[in-house]
Amino acid sequence: MIELDWLMLGWGALAGALSGALFFAGLAWGMRLALRAGQPTGVLLISGGLRIAALLGAGWLVLGLGTTALAGFVLTFLVVRTGVLAFARRPATKEAATWN
């Protein structure tokens, strides 16, 4: 039977949840800044580069804990991603038509 280190899986999951939340919060912030900027390409490149570098760094640190922690990190990041996409794709609320 395969032995699973639940503590390391939990630490990896915690790190994945925090990284996912920060990654997508940074994405939202970068998009808001880019939509207000006259030249959004620079803002998007910097935002994307920083977010990718931070996520890779966090994954590298978690990998130091072991592959079980990395599995928890990746799986939880994907769960957070799915939740964020479900939240972002929800239908817009319909407002009552105004009569003039």
PDB file of N, CA and C in Angstrom:
ATOM      1  N   MET A   1       0.842  -1.178   0.000  1.00  0.00           N
ATOM      2  CA  MET A   1       0.000   0.000   0.000  1.00  0.00           C
ATOM      3  C   MET A   1       0.889   1.244   0.000  1.00  0.00           C
ATOM      4  N   ILE A   2       0.443   2.257  -0.709  1.00  0.00           N
ATOM      5  CA  ILE A   2       1.216   3.488  -0.811  1.00  0.00           C
ATOM      6  C   ILE A   2       0.989   4.340   0.437  1.00  0.00           C
ATOM      7  N   GLU A   3       2.077   4.783   1.026  1.00  0.00           N
ATOM      8  CA  GLU A   3       2.017   5.652   2.201  1.00  0.00           C
ATOM      9  C   GLU A   3       1.897   7.101   1.721  1.00  0.00           C
ATOM     10  N   LEU A   4       0.938   7.836   2.236  1.00  0.00           N
ATOM     11  CA  LEU A   4       0.726   9.220   1.850  1.00  0.00           C
ATOM     12  C   LEU A   4       0.938  10.115   3.061  1.00  0.00           C
ATOM     13  N   ASP A   5       1.797  11.097   2.910  1.00  0.00           N
ATOM     14  CA  ASP A   5       2.078  12.032   3.997  1.00  0.00           C
ATOM     15  C   ASP A   5       1.032  13.145   3.955  1.00  0.00           C
ATOM     16  N   TRP A   6       0.009  13.003   4.772  1.00  0.00           N
ATOM     17  CA  TRP A   6      -1.114  13.933   4.757  1.00  0.00           C
ATOM     18  C   TRP A   6      -0.721  15.334   5.219  1.00  0.00           C
ATOM     19  N   LEU A   7       0.235  15.426   6.110  1.00  0.00           N
ATOM     20  CA  LEU A   7       0.677  16.735   6.581  1.00  0.00           C
ATOM     21  C   LEU A   7       1.315  17.531   5.442  1.00  0.00           C
ATOM     22  N   MET A   8       2.177  16.892   4.668  1.00  0.00           N
ATOM     23  CA  MET A   8       2.822  17.575   3.540  1.00  0.00           C
ATOM     24  C   MET A   8       1.805  17.899   2.449  1.00  0.00           C
ATOM     25  N   LEU A   9       0.830  17.013   2.255  1.00  0.00           N
ATOM     26  CA  LEU A   9      -0.236  17.302   1.296  1.00  0.00           C
ATOM     27  C   LEU A   9      -1.022  18.532   1.737  1.00  0.00           C
ATOM     28  N   GLY A  10      -1.275  18.633   3.038  1.00  0.00           N
ATOM     29  CA  GLY A  10      -1.990  19.793   3.578  1.00  0.00           C
ATOM     30  C   GLY A  10      -1.199  21.077   3.440  1.00  0.00           C
ATOM     31  N   TRP A  11       0.122  21.027   3.730  1.00  0.00           N
ATOM     32  CA  TRP A  11       0.947  22.225   3.567  1.00  0.00           C
ATOM     33  C   TRP A  11       1.001  22.655   2.109  1.00  0.00           C
ATOM     34  N   GLY A  12       1.100  21.682   1.214  1.00  0.00           N
ATOM     35  CA  GLY A  12       1.100  21.995  -0.210  1.00  0.00           C
ATOM     36  C   GLY A  12      -0.226  22.586  -0.652  1.00  0.00           C
ATOM     37  N   ALA A  13      -1.322  22.040  -0.124  1.00  0.00           N
ATOM     38  CA  ALA A  13      -2.643  22.563  -0.459  1.00  0.00           C
ATOM     39  C   ALA A  13      -2.818  23.994   0.057  1.00  0.00           C
ATOM     40  N   LEU A  14      -2.331  24.255   1.252  1.00  0.00           N
ATOM     41  CA  LEU A  14      -2.405  25.613   1.793  1.00  0.00           C
ATOM     42  C   LEU A  14      -1.596  26.584   0.930  1.00  0.00           C
ATOM     43  N   ALA A  15      -0.400  26.173   0.558  1.00  0.00           N
ATOM     44  CA  ALA A  15       0.431  27.018  -0.295  1.00  0.00           C
ATOM     45  C   ALA A  15      -0.218  27.208  -1.662  1.00  0.00           C
ATOM     46  N   GLY A  16      -0.851  26.170  -2.195  1.00  0.00           N
ATOM     47  CA  GLY A  16      -1.530  26.281  -3.482  1.00  0.00           C
ATOM     48  C   GLY A  16      -2.726  27.210  -3.428  1.00  0.00           C
ATOM     49  N   ALA A  17      -3.468  27.161  -2.331  1.00  0.00           N
ATOM     50  CA  ALA A  17      -4.625  28.046  -2.182  1.00  0.00           C
ATOM     51  C   ALA A  17      -4.178  29.505  -2.076  1.00  0.00           C
ATOM     52  N   LEU A  18      -3.146  29.753  -1.277  1.00  0.00           N
ATOM     53  CA  LEU A  18      -2.643  31.122  -1.144  1.00  0.00           C
ATOM     54  C   LEU A  18      -2.049  31.624  -2.460  1.00  0.00           C
ATOM     55  N   SER A  19      -1.278  30.776  -3.121  1.00  0.00           N
ATOM     56  CA  SER A  19      -0.681  31.173  -4.393  1.00  0.00           C
ATOM     57  C   SER A  19      -1.741  31.424  -5.444  1.00  0.00           C
ATOM     58  N   GLY A  20      -2.745  30.573  -5.499  1.00  0.00           N
ATOM     59  CA  GLY A  20      -3.827  30.759  -6.456  1.00  0.00           C
ATOM     60  C   GLY A  20      -4.598  32.045  -6.205  1.00  0.00           C
ATOM     61  N   ALA A  21      -4.899  32.300  -4.945  1.00  0.00           N
ATOM     62  CA  ALA A  21      -5.630  33.523  -4.612  1.00  0.00           C
ATOM     63  C   ALA A  21      -4.813  34.766  -4.979  1.00  0.00           C
ATOM     64  N   LEU A  22      -3.526  34.749  -4.652  1.00  0.00           N
ATOM     65  CA  LEU A  22      -2.673  35.898  -4.990  1.00  0.00           C
ATOM     66  C   LEU A  22      -2.472  36.032  -6.498  1.00  0.00           C
ATOM     67  N   PHE A  23      -2.338  34.903  -7.189  1.00  0.00           N
ATOM     68  CA  PHE A  23      -2.146  34.927  -8.637  1.00  0.00           C
ATOM     69  C   PHE A  23      -3.342  35.583  -9.326  1.00  0.00           C
ATOM     70  N   PHE A  24      -4.544  35.159  -8.974  1.00  0.00           N
ATOM     71  CA  PHE A  24      -5.720  35.682  -9.648  1.00  0.00           C
ATOM     72  C   PHE A  24      -6.113  37.073  -9.150  1.00  0.00           C
ATOM     73  N   ALA A  25      -5.757  37.413  -7.922  1.00  0.00           N
ATOM     74  CA  ALA A  25      -5.945  38.789  -7.462  1.00  0.00           C
ATOM     75  C   ALA A  25      -5.007  39.712  -8.233  1.00  0.00           C
ATOM     76  N   GLY A  26      -3.772  39.254  -8.465  1.00  0.00           N
ATOM     77  CA  GLY A  26      -2.830  40.022  -9.274  1.00  0.00           C
ATOM     78  C   GLY A  26      -3.293  40.160 -10.709  1.00  0.00           C
ATOM     79  N   LEU A  27      -3.913  39.120 -11.237  1.00  0.00           N
ATOM     80  CA  LEU A  27      -4.464  39.187 -12.591  1.00  0.00           C
ATOM     81  C   LEU A  27      -5.570  40.232 -12.672  1.00  0.00           C
ATOM     82  N   ALA A  28      -6.462  40.223 -11.705  1.00  0.00           N
ATOM     83  CA  ALA A  28      -7.551  41.204 -11.700  1.00  0.00           C
ATOM     84  C   ALA A  28      -7.015  42.630 -11.573  1.00  0.00           C
ATOM     85  N   TRP A  29      -6.043  42.811 -10.699  1.00  0.00           N
ATOM     86  CA  TRP A  29      -5.459  44.138 -10.506  1.00  0.00           C
ATOM     87  C   TRP A  29      -4.726  44.597 -11.766  1.00  0.00           C
ATOM     88  N   GLY A  30      -3.958  43.697 -12.370  1.00  0.00           N
ATOM     89  CA  GLY A  30      -3.240  44.027 -13.602  1.00  0.00           C
ATOM     90  C   GLY A  30      -4.189  44.375 -14.733  1.00  0.00           C
ATOM     91  N   MET A  31      -5.297  43.666 -14.830  1.00  0.00           N
ATOM     92  CA  MET A  31      -6.277  43.971 -15.883  1.00  0.00           C
ATOM     93  C   MET A  31      -6.927  45.337 -15.649  1.00  0.00           C
ATOM     94  N   ARG A  32      -7.222  45.652 -14.399  1.00  0.00           N
ATOM     95  CA  ARG A  32      -7.801  46.974 -14.114  1.00  0.00           C
ATOM     96  C   ARG A  32      -6.826  48.088 -14.467  1.00  0.00           C
ATOM     97  N   LEU A  33      -5.558  47.887 -14.118  1.00  0.00           N
ATOM     98  CA  LEU A  33      -4.546  48.884 -14.460  1.00  0.00           C
ATOM     99  C   LEU A  33      -4.376  48.991 -15.980  1.00  0.00           C
ATOM    100  N   ALA A  34      -4.394  47.868 -16.663  1.00  0.00           N
ATOM    101  CA  ALA A  34      -4.211  47.869 -18.113  1.00  0.00           C
ATOM    102  C   ALA A  34      -5.380  48.534 -18.828  1.00  0.00           C
ATOM    103  N   LEU A  35      -6.581  48.334 -18.330  1.00  0.00           N
ATOM    104  CA  LEU A  35      -7.743  48.945 -18.975  1.00  0.00           C
ATOM    105  C   LEU A  35      -7.771  50.462 -18.795  1.00  0.00           C
ATOM    106  N   ARG A  36      -7.112  50.952 -17.767  1.00  0.00           N
ATOM    107  CA  ARG A  36      -7.041  52.403 -17.541  1.00  0.00           C
ATOM    108  C   ARG A  36      -5.853  53.048 -18.239  1.00  0.00           C
ATOM    109  N   ALA A  37      -4.869  52.233 -18.625  1.00  0.00           N
ATOM    110  CA  ALA A  37      -3.626  52.766 -19.196  1.00  0.00           C
ATOM    111  C   ALA A  37      -3.801  53.083 -20.675  1.00  0.00           C
ATOM    112  N   GLY A  38      -3.031  54.065 -21.135  1.00  0.00           N
ATOM    113  CA  GLY A  38      -3.029  54.392 -22.552  1.00  0.00           C
ATOM    114  C   GLY A  38      -2.305  53.336 -23.364  1.00  0.00           C
ATOM    115  N   GLN A  39      -1.250  52.756 -22.810  1.00  0.00           N
ATOM    116  CA  GLN A  39      -0.475  51.683 -23.435  1.00  0.00           C
ATOM    117  C   GLN A  39      -0.561  50.438 -22.537  1.00  0.00           C
ATOM    118  N   PRO A  40      -1.571  49.602 -22.720  1.00  0.00           N
ATOM    119  CA  PRO A  40      -1.769  48.485 -21.796  1.00  0.00           C
ATOM    120  C   PRO A  40      -0.774  47.341 -21.971  1.00  0.00           C
ATOM    121  N   THR A  41      -0.055  47.288 -23.082  1.00  0.00           N
ATOM    122  CA  THR A  41       0.845  46.162 -23.326  1.00  0.00           C
ATOM    123  C   THR A  41       1.919  46.053 -22.258  1.00  0.00           C
ATOM    124  N   GLY A  42       2.530  47.156 -21.890  1.00  0.00           N
ATOM    125  CA  GLY A  42       3.568  47.143 -20.868  1.00  0.00           C
ATOM    126  C   GLY A  42       3.056  46.683 -19.521  1.00  0.00           C
ATOM    127  N   VAL A  43       1.882  47.155 -19.165  1.00  0.00           N
ATOM    128  CA  VAL A  43       1.284  46.768 -17.886  1.00  0.00           C
ATOM    129  C   VAL A  43       1.006  45.271 -17.874  1.00  0.00           C
ATOM    130  N   LEU A  44       0.453  44.748 -18.974  1.00  0.00           N
ATOM    131  CA  LEU A  44       0.134  43.328 -19.041  1.00  0.00           C
ATOM    132  C   LEU A  44       1.388  42.462 -19.032  1.00  0.00           C
ATOM    133  N   LEU A  45       2.445  42.898 -19.715  1.00  0.00           N
ATOM    134  CA  LEU A  45       3.690  42.137 -19.727  1.00  0.00           C
ATOM    135  C   LEU A  45       4.338  42.090 -18.349  1.00  0.00           C
ATOM    136  N   ILE A  46       4.378  43.219 -17.686  1.00  0.00           N
ATOM    137  CA  ILE A  46       4.968  43.266 -16.344  1.00  0.00           C
ATOM    138  C   ILE A  46       4.132  42.449 -15.366  1.00  0.00           C
ATOM    139  N   SER A  47       2.814  42.615 -15.422  1.00  0.00           N
ATOM    140  CA  SER A  47       1.925  41.875 -14.526  1.00  0.00           C
ATOM    141  C   SER A  47       2.057  40.376 -14.744  1.00  0.00           C
ATOM    142  N   GLY A  48       2.034  39.959 -15.991  1.00  0.00           N
ATOM    143  CA  GLY A  48       2.151  38.539 -16.291  1.00  0.00           C
ATOM    144  C   GLY A  48       3.497  37.974 -15.872  1.00  0.00           C
ATOM    145  N   GLY A  49       4.556  38.714 -16.153  1.00  0.00           N
ATOM    146  CA  GLY A  49       5.896  38.252 -15.774  1.00  0.00           C
ATOM    147  C   GLY A  49       6.060  38.100 -14.276  1.00  0.00           C
ATOM    148  N   LEU A  50       5.566  39.075 -13.526  1.00  0.00           N
ATOM    149  CA  LEU A  50       5.666  38.995 -12.063  1.00  0.00           C
ATOM    150  C   LEU A  50       4.833  37.859 -11.496  1.00  0.00           C
ATOM    151  N   ARG A  51       3.623  37.681 -12.010  1.00  0.00           N
ATOM    152  CA  ARG A  51       2.756  36.611 -11.512  1.00  0.00           C
ATOM    153  C   ARG A  51       3.334  35.230 -11.833  1.00  0.00           C
ATOM    154  N   ILE A  52       3.843  35.069 -13.053  1.00  0.00           N
ATOM    155  CA  ILE A  52       4.420  33.780 -13.439  1.00  0.00           C
ATOM    156  C   ILE A  52       5.662  33.484 -12.606  1.00  0.00           C
ATOM    157  N   ALA A  53       6.522  34.489 -12.427  1.00  0.00           N
ATOM    158  CA  ALA A  53       7.738  34.288 -11.634  1.00  0.00           C
ATOM    159  C   ALA A  53       7.403  33.942 -10.182  1.00  0.00           C
ATOM    160  N   ALA A  54       6.420  34.625  -9.619  1.00  0.00           N
ATOM    161  CA  ALA A  54       6.033  34.337  -8.233  1.00  0.00           C
ATOM    162  C   ALA A  54       5.444  32.935  -8.103  1.00  0.00           C
ATOM    163  N   LEU A  55       4.629  32.518  -9.069  1.00  0.00           N
ATOM    164  CA  LEU A  55       4.036  31.189  -9.012  1.00  0.00           C
ATOM    165  C   LEU A  55       5.099  30.106  -9.176  1.00  0.00           C
ATOM    166  N   LEU A  56       6.035  30.313 -10.090  1.00  0.00           N
ATOM    167  CA  LEU A  56       7.123  29.348 -10.245  1.00  0.00           C
ATOM    168  C   LEU A  56       8.001  29.284  -8.992  1.00  0.00           C
ATOM    169  N   GLY A  57       8.264  30.429  -8.381  1.00  0.00           N
ATOM    170  CA  GLY A  57       9.048  30.454  -7.150  1.00  0.00           C
ATOM    171  C   GLY A  57       8.349  29.727  -6.016  1.00  0.00           C
ATOM    172  N   ALA A  58       7.047  29.947  -5.894  1.00  0.00           N
ATOM    173  CA  ALA A  58       6.288  29.253  -4.845  1.00  0.00           C
ATOM    174  C   ALA A  58       6.284  27.754  -5.107  1.00  0.00           C
ATOM    175  N   GLY A  59       6.111  27.359  -6.357  1.00  0.00           N
ATOM    176  CA  GLY A  59       6.147  25.940  -6.688  1.00  0.00           C
ATOM    177  C   GLY A  59       7.500  25.317  -6.405  1.00  0.00           C
ATOM    178  N   TRP A  60       8.556  26.070  -6.665  1.00  0.00           N
ATOM    179  CA  TRP A  60       9.909  25.583  -6.393  1.00  0.00           C
ATOM    180  C   TRP A  60      10.127  25.380  -4.892  1.00  0.00           C
ATOM    181  N   LEU A  61       9.641  26.325  -4.100  1.00  0.00           N
ATOM    182  CA  LEU A  61       9.766  26.191  -2.642  1.00  0.00           C
ATOM    183  C   LEU A  61       8.958  25.009  -2.116  1.00  0.00           C
ATOM    184  N   VAL A  62       7.766  24.824  -2.650  1.00  0.00           N
ATOM    185  CA  VAL A  62       6.925  23.708  -2.221  1.00  0.00           C
ATOM    186  C   VAL A  62       7.555  22.385  -2.637  1.00  0.00           C
ATOM    187  N   LEU A  63       8.184  22.356  -3.789  1.00  0.00           N
ATOM    188  CA  LEU A  63       8.858  21.132  -4.232  1.00  0.00           C
ATOM    189  C   LEU A  63       9.950  20.723  -3.261  1.00  0.00           C
ATOM    190  N   GLY A  64      10.543  21.685  -2.579  1.00  0.00           N
ATOM    191  CA  GLY A  64      11.539  21.370  -1.554  1.00  0.00           C
ATOM    192  C   GLY A  64      10.960  20.572  -0.400  1.00  0.00           C
ATOM    193  N   LEU A  65       9.660  20.665  -0.185  1.00  0.00           N
ATOM    194  CA  LEU A  65       9.000  19.886   0.863  1.00  0.00           C
ATOM    195  C   LEU A  65       8.755  18.444   0.434  1.00  0.00           C
ATOM    196  N   GLY A  66       8.720  18.201  -0.864  1.00  0.00           N
ATOM    197  CA  GLY A  66       8.498  16.848  -1.368  1.00  0.00           C
ATOM    198  C   GLY A  66       7.441  16.819  -2.453  1.00  0.00           C
ATOM    199  N   THR A  67       7.372  15.692  -3.119  1.00  0.00           N
ATOM    200  CA  THR A  67       6.427  15.575  -4.229  1.00  0.00           C
ATOM    201  C   THR A  67       4.977  15.521  -3.753  1.00  0.00           C
ATOM    202  N   THR A  68       4.745  15.034  -2.562  1.00  0.00           N
ATOM    203  CA  THR A  68       3.380  15.022  -2.032  1.00  0.00           C
ATOM    204  C   THR A  68       2.884  16.444  -1.816  1.00  0.00           C
ATOM    205  N   ALA A  69       3.741  17.305  -1.309  1.00  0.00           N
ATOM    206  CA  ALA A  69       3.373  18.704  -1.127  1.00  0.00           C
ATOM    207  C   ALA A  69       3.139  19.375  -2.473  1.00  0.00           C
ATOM    208  N   LEU A  70       3.960  19.039  -3.455  1.00  0.00           N
ATOM    209  CA  LEU A  70       3.771  19.610  -4.788  1.00  0.00           C
ATOM    210  C   LEU A  70       2.442  19.168  -5.389  1.00  0.00           C
ATOM    211  N   ALA A  71       2.063  17.910  -5.170  1.00  0.00           N
ATOM    212  CA  ALA A  71       0.775  17.428  -5.660  1.00  0.00           C
ATOM    213  C   ALA A  71      -0.373  18.209  -5.012  1.00  0.00           C
ATOM    214  N   GLY A  72      -0.305  18.446  -3.716  1.00  0.00           N
ATOM    215  CA  GLY A  72      -1.323  19.246  -3.044  1.00  0.00           C
ATOM    216  C   GLY A  72      -1.366  20.672  -3.559  1.00  0.00           C
ATOM    217  N   PHE A  73      -0.186  21.230  -3.826  1.00  0.00           N
ATOM    218  CA  PHE A  73      -0.070  22.589  -4.357  1.00  0.00           C
ATOM    219  C   PHE A  73      -0.768  22.700  -5.710  1.00  0.00           C
ATOM    220  N   VAL A  74      -0.434  21.793  -6.604  1.00  0.00           N
ATOM    221  CA  VAL A  74      -0.984  21.840  -7.961  1.00  0.00           C
ATOM    222  C   VAL A  74      -2.488  21.593  -7.957  1.00  0.00           C
ATOM    223  N   LEU A  75      -2.930  20.582  -7.227  1.00  0.00           N
ATOM    224  CA  LEU A  75      -4.360  20.268  -7.206  1.00  0.00           C
ATOM    225  C   LEU A  75      -5.186  21.410  -6.614  1.00  0.00           C
ATOM    226  N   THR A  76      -4.693  22.011  -5.559  1.00  0.00           N
ATOM    227  CA  THR A  76      -5.435  23.110  -4.942  1.00  0.00           C
ATOM    228  C   THR A  76      -5.410  24.353  -5.826  1.00  0.00           C
ATOM    229  N   PHE A  77      -4.295  24.597  -6.508  1.00  0.00           N
ATOM    230  CA  PHE A  77      -4.258  25.717  -7.445  1.00  0.00           C
ATOM    231  C   PHE A  77      -5.303  25.528  -8.539  1.00  0.00           C
ATOM    232  N   LEU A  78      -5.450  24.304  -9.041  1.00  0.00           N
ATOM    233  CA  LEU A  78      -6.456  24.038 -10.073  1.00  0.00           C
ATOM    234  C   LEU A  78      -7.875  24.200  -9.538  1.00  0.00           C
ATOM    235  N   VAL A  79      -8.090  23.828  -8.285  1.00  0.00           N
ATOM    236  CA  VAL A  79      -9.418  24.018  -7.672  1.00  0.00           C
ATOM    237  C   VAL A  79      -9.724  25.507  -7.544  1.00  0.00           C
ATOM    238  N   VAL A  80      -8.746  26.295  -7.099  1.00  0.00           N
ATOM    239  CA  VAL A  80      -8.933  27.746  -6.987  1.00  0.00           C
ATOM    240  C   VAL A  80      -9.195  28.337  -8.361  1.00  0.00           C
ATOM    241  N   ARG A  81      -8.454  27.889  -9.374  1.00  0.00           N
ATOM    242  CA  ARG A  81      -8.641  28.373 -10.740  1.00  0.00           C
ATOM    243  C   ARG A  81     -10.059  28.081 -11.228  1.00  0.00           C
ATOM    244  N   THR A  82     -10.552  26.874 -10.955  1.00  0.00           N
ATOM    245  CA  THR A  82     -11.904  26.517 -11.363  1.00  0.00           C
ATOM    246  C   THR A  82     -12.936  27.400 -10.672  1.00  0.00           C
ATOM    247  N   GLY A  83     -12.733  27.673  -9.402  1.00  0.00           N
ATOM    248  CA  GLY A  83     -13.648  28.550  -8.676  1.00  0.00           C
ATOM    249  C   GLY A  83     -13.629  29.971  -9.199  1.00  0.00           C
ATOM    250  N   VAL A  84     -12.448  30.479  -9.509  1.00  0.00           N
ATOM    251  CA  VAL A  84     -12.342  31.837 -10.039  1.00  0.00           C
ATOM    252  C   VAL A  84     -13.017  31.928 -11.399  1.00  0.00           C
ATOM    253  N   LEU A  85     -12.811  30.929 -12.253  1.00  0.00           N
ATOM    254  CA  LEU A  85     -13.452  30.941 -13.563  1.00  0.00           C
ATOM    255  C   LEU A  85     -14.969  30.844 -13.449  1.00  0.00           C
ATOM    256  N   ALA A  86     -15.456  30.032 -12.539  1.00  0.00           N
ATOM    257  CA  ALA A  86     -16.903  29.935 -12.328  1.00  0.00           C
ATOM    258  C   ALA A  86     -17.466  31.265 -11.843  1.00  0.00           C
ATOM    259  N   PHE A  87     -16.726  31.947 -10.981  1.00  0.00           N
ATOM    260  CA  PHE A  87     -17.158  33.250 -10.484  1.00  0.00           C
ATOM    261  C   PHE A  87     -17.134  34.292 -11.599  1.00  0.00           C
ATOM    262  N   ALA A  88     -16.097  34.270 -12.422  1.00  0.00           N
ATOM    263  CA  ALA A  88     -15.962  35.270 -13.479  1.00  0.00           C
ATOM    264  C   ALA A  88     -16.971  35.056 -14.602  1.00  0.00           C
ATOM    265  N   ARG A  89     -17.386  33.833 -14.823  1.00  0.00           N
ATOM    266  CA  ARG A  89     -18.302  33.532 -15.926  1.00  0.00           C
ATOM    267  C   ARG A  89     -19.766  33.523 -15.514  1.00  0.00           C
ATOM    268  N   ARG A  90     -20.065  33.900 -14.303  1.00  0.00           N
ATOM    269  CA  ARG A  90     -21.464  33.891 -13.881  1.00  0.00           C
ATOM    270  C   ARG A  90     -22.240  34.918 -14.697  1.00  0.00           C
ATOM    271  N   PRO A  91     -23.505  34.654 -14.947  1.00  0.00           N
ATOM    272  CA  PRO A  91     -24.280  35.582 -15.775  1.00  0.00           C
ATOM    273  C   PRO A  91     -24.483  36.923 -15.076  1.00  0.00           C
ATOM    274  N   ALA A  92     -24.530  37.949 -15.882  1.00  0.00           N
ATOM    275  CA  ALA A  92     -24.732  39.292 -15.339  1.00  0.00           C
ATOM    276  C   ALA A  92     -26.157  39.415 -14.812  1.00  0.00           C
ATOM    277  N   THR A  93     -26.306  40.212 -13.776  1.00  0.00           N
ATOM    278  CA  THR A  93     -27.644  40.446 -13.228  1.00  0.00           C
ATOM    279  C   THR A  93     -28.411  41.349 -14.177  1.00  0.00           C
ATOM    280  N   LYS A  94     -29.651  41.012 -14.388  1.00  0.00           N
ATOM    281  CA  LYS A  94     -30.484  41.813 -15.286  1.00  0.00           C
ATOM    282  C   LYS A  94     -31.201  42.874 -14.457  1.00  0.00           C
ATOM    283  N   GLU A  95     -31.044  44.098 -14.911  1.00  0.00           N
ATOM    284  CA  GLU A  95     -31.727  45.182 -14.227  1.00  0.00           C
ATOM    285  C   GLU A  95     -33.040  45.474 -14.942  1.00  0.00           C
ATOM    286  N   ALA A  96     -33.969  45.998 -14.214  1.00  0.00           N
ATOM    287  CA  ALA A  96     -35.249  46.355 -14.806  1.00  0.00           C
ATOM    288  C   ALA A  96     -35.057  47.478 -15.809  1.00  0.00           C
ATOM    289  N   ALA A  97     -35.755  47.371 -16.912  1.00  0.00           N
ATOM    290  CA  ALA A  97     -35.663  48.418 -17.950  1.00  0.00           C
ATOM    291  C   ALA A  97     -36.293  49.699 -17.418  1.00  0.00           C
ATOM    292  N   THR A  98     -35.613  50.785 -17.680  1.00  0.00           N
ATOM    293  CA  THR A  98     -36.174  52.091 -17.261  1.00  0.00           C
ATOM    294  C   THR A  98     -37.078  52.624 -18.351  1.00  0.00           C
ATOM    295  N   TRP A  99     -38.156  53.214 -17.954  1.00  0.00           N
ATOM    296  CA  TRP A  99     -39.110  53.783 -18.890  1.00  0.00           C
ATOM    297  C   TRP A  99     -39.003  55.294 -18.837  1.00  0.00           C
ATOM    298  N   ASN A 100     -38.754  55.853 -19.962  1.00  0.00           N
ATOM    299  CA  ASN A 100     -38.641  57.320 -20.046  1.00  0.00           C
ATOM    300  C   ASN A 100     -39.874  57.915 -20.640  1.00  0.00           C
TER     301      ASN A 100
END
